[in-house]
Amino acid sequence: MLNIICKHACKDCYALRVCALQAIEEQEGSIYIDTEKCIGCGSCKTACVAFGYKALEDKTTEWLMGAT
């Protein structure tokens, strides 16, 4: 399942590049997390200020993994 997490206003998505499982993808100008691939490691939150402080601030590991 793909969950939108960012409207991607950046020139380049750092979170997309650091995801070891390639669970983050860009489609039609937005950034999505594939909850079936994501293990909730948080590397995307470390790489991108928007992910860490806005897009994922209320998201739990369970949400990222598609459990909720």
Protein backbone atom coordinates (compact mmCIF):
# COMPACT_ATOMS: atom_id res chain seq x y z
CA MET A 1 0.00 0.00 0.00
CA LEU A 2 1.32 3.45 -0.90
CA ASN A 3 0.83 6.25 1.63
CA ILE A 4 1.53 9.82 0.55
CA ILE A 5 3.83 11.60 2.95
CA CYS A 6 5.14 14.66 1.11
CA LYS A 7 4.00 16.98 -1.66
CA HIS A 8 7.66 17.14 -2.79
CA ALA A 9 8.48 20.81 -3.16
CA CYS A 10 12.22 20.06 -3.05
CA LYS A 11 14.59 19.95 -6.00
CA ASP A 12 15.77 16.49 -4.92
CA CYS A 13 14.33 14.04 -2.38
CA TYR A 14 17.11 13.02 0.01
CA ALA A 15 14.86 10.54 1.81
CA LEU A 16 14.25 8.66 -1.44
CA ARG A 17 18.00 8.21 -1.91
CA VAL A 18 18.74 6.95 1.63
CA CYS A 19 16.03 4.30 1.84
CA ALA A 20 17.90 0.99 1.74
CA LEU A 21 14.73 -0.94 0.95
CA GLN A 22 13.57 1.43 -1.80
CA ALA A 23 10.27 1.85 0.02
CA ILE A 24 10.06 5.53 -0.95
CA GLU A 25 9.06 6.56 -4.43
CA GLU A 26 8.05 9.64 -6.34
CA GLN A 27 4.85 9.69 -8.39
CA GLU A 28 3.14 12.67 -9.97
CA GLY A 29 5.03 15.22 -7.89
CA SER A 30 4.45 13.59 -4.50
CA ILE A 31 6.53 11.27 -2.34
CA TYR A 32 5.04 7.99 -1.18
CA ILE A 33 6.08 5.26 1.24
CA ASP A 34 5.31 1.69 0.24
CA THR A 35 4.10 0.35 3.58
CA GLU A 36 4.71 -3.23 2.48
CA LYS A 37 8.44 -2.54 2.08
CA CYS A 38 9.03 -0.04 4.91
CA ILE A 39 10.49 -1.42 8.14
CA GLY A 40 10.25 1.88 10.05
CA CYS A 41 14.02 2.37 10.44
CA GLY A 42 13.73 6.17 10.33
CA SER A 43 16.60 6.85 7.91
CA CYS A 44 14.22 9.00 5.83
CA LYS A 45 13.43 11.13 8.88
CA THR A 46 17.16 11.69 9.41
CA ALA A 47 17.84 12.59 5.77
CA CYS A 48 15.00 15.04 5.19
CA VAL A 49 13.92 17.93 7.39
CA ALA A 50 10.38 17.86 5.98
CA PHE A 51 10.03 14.13 6.72
CA GLY A 52 11.44 14.46 10.21
CA TYR A 53 9.56 17.54 11.33
CA LYS A 54 6.38 17.67 9.28
CA ALA A 55 5.38 14.73 7.13
CA LEU A 56 6.14 11.96 9.62
CA GLU A 57 5.74 13.75 12.95
CA ASP A 58 2.50 11.94 13.81
CA LYS A 59 3.29 8.68 11.99
CA THR A 60 4.20 5.62 14.02
CA THR A 61 6.28 2.68 12.94
CA GLU A 62 3.05 0.70 12.70
CA TRP A 63 1.58 3.30 10.31
CA LEU A 64 4.69 3.21 8.13
CA MET A 65 4.51 -0.57 7.98
CA GLY A 66 0.81 -0.45 7.03
CA ALA A 67 -0.46 -1.96 10.29
CA THR A 68 -2.85 0.92 10.99
